[in-house]
Amino acid sequence: MAIRLTPPTKNVFYISVICAVVAFVLYVLGVLGVIDGGFATVSHFAFWAAMLGWGMMTAGVAMKGV
């Protein structure tokens, strides 16, 4: 049985885009050295913010019609 994919709701889309932007900003600020605490720590938070946005988008696409 195949999963029927549907577009996510606007709120899920906007929240996932915000998570992606936060991840990008954290990564860039960590690369430039603006945020103190080490690049590894900042990139760790950027990675998990990106994964949160991706997971929300995936859930929104897969579960809208459920």
Protein backbone atom coordinates (compact mmCIF):
# COMPACT_ATOMS: atom_id res chain seq x y z
CA MET A 1 0.00 0.00 0.00
CA ALA A 2 1.44 3.38 -0.99
CA ILE A 3 1.33 6.48 1.16
CA ARG A 4 -0.72 9.28 -0.35
CA LEU A 5 1.42 12.41 -0.13
CA THR A 6 -0.37 15.73 0.19
CA PRO A 7 0.88 19.30 0.58
CA PRO A 8 1.46 20.27 4.22
CA THR A 9 -0.63 22.91 5.93
CA LYS A 10 0.61 26.48 5.79
CA ASN A 11 1.52 26.52 9.49
CA VAL A 12 3.66 23.39 9.24
CA PHE A 13 5.36 24.78 6.14
CA TYR A 14 6.10 28.13 7.76
CA ILE A 15 7.45 26.55 10.95
CA SER A 16 9.71 24.23 8.96
CA VAL A 17 11.01 27.15 6.90
CA ILE A 18 11.74 29.09 10.11
CA CYS A 19 13.68 26.09 11.45
CA ALA A 20 15.69 25.92 8.22
CA VAL A 21 16.49 29.64 8.35
CA VAL A 22 17.55 29.38 12.00
CA ALA A 23 19.80 26.44 11.11
CA PHE A 24 21.38 28.36 8.24
CA VAL A 25 21.95 31.48 10.36
CA LEU A 26 23.48 29.44 13.20
CA TYR A 27 25.79 27.67 10.78
CA VAL A 28 26.95 30.88 9.07
CA LEU A 29 27.49 32.67 12.38
CA GLY A 30 29.46 29.68 13.66
CA VAL A 31 31.66 29.62 10.54
CA LEU A 32 32.35 33.33 10.83
CA GLY A 33 33.15 32.99 14.53
CA VAL A 34 30.50 35.49 15.62
CA ILE A 35 28.94 33.05 18.10
CA ASP A 36 31.30 32.00 20.85
CA GLY A 37 31.30 28.43 22.09
CA GLY A 38 33.16 26.68 19.33
CA PHE A 39 32.20 25.76 15.82
CA ALA A 40 31.34 22.17 16.79
CA THR A 41 28.74 23.28 19.32
CA VAL A 42 27.10 25.79 16.98
CA SER A 43 27.08 23.37 14.05
CA HIS A 44 25.54 20.74 16.34
CA PHE A 45 22.60 23.04 17.12
CA ALA A 46 22.33 24.07 13.46
CA PHE A 47 22.16 20.42 12.42
CA TRP A 48 19.36 19.62 14.87
CA ALA A 49 17.40 22.74 13.89
CA ALA A 50 17.62 21.61 10.26
CA MET A 51 16.54 18.08 11.19
CA LEU A 52 13.58 19.46 13.14
CA GLY A 53 12.45 21.46 10.10
CA TRP A 54 12.90 18.47 7.80
CA GLY A 55 11.01 16.17 10.17
CA MET A 56 8.12 18.60 10.48
CA MET A 57 7.87 18.95 6.71
CA THR A 58 7.99 15.18 6.26
CA ALA A 59 5.29 14.63 8.86
CA GLY A 60 3.15 17.36 7.31
CA VAL A 61 3.39 15.77 3.86
CA ALA A 62 2.81 12.20 5.04
CA MET A 63 0.07 12.72 7.64
CA LYS A 64 -2.23 15.46 6.40
CA GLY A 65 -4.88 13.09 5.07
CA VAL A 66 -4.72 10.69 8.04
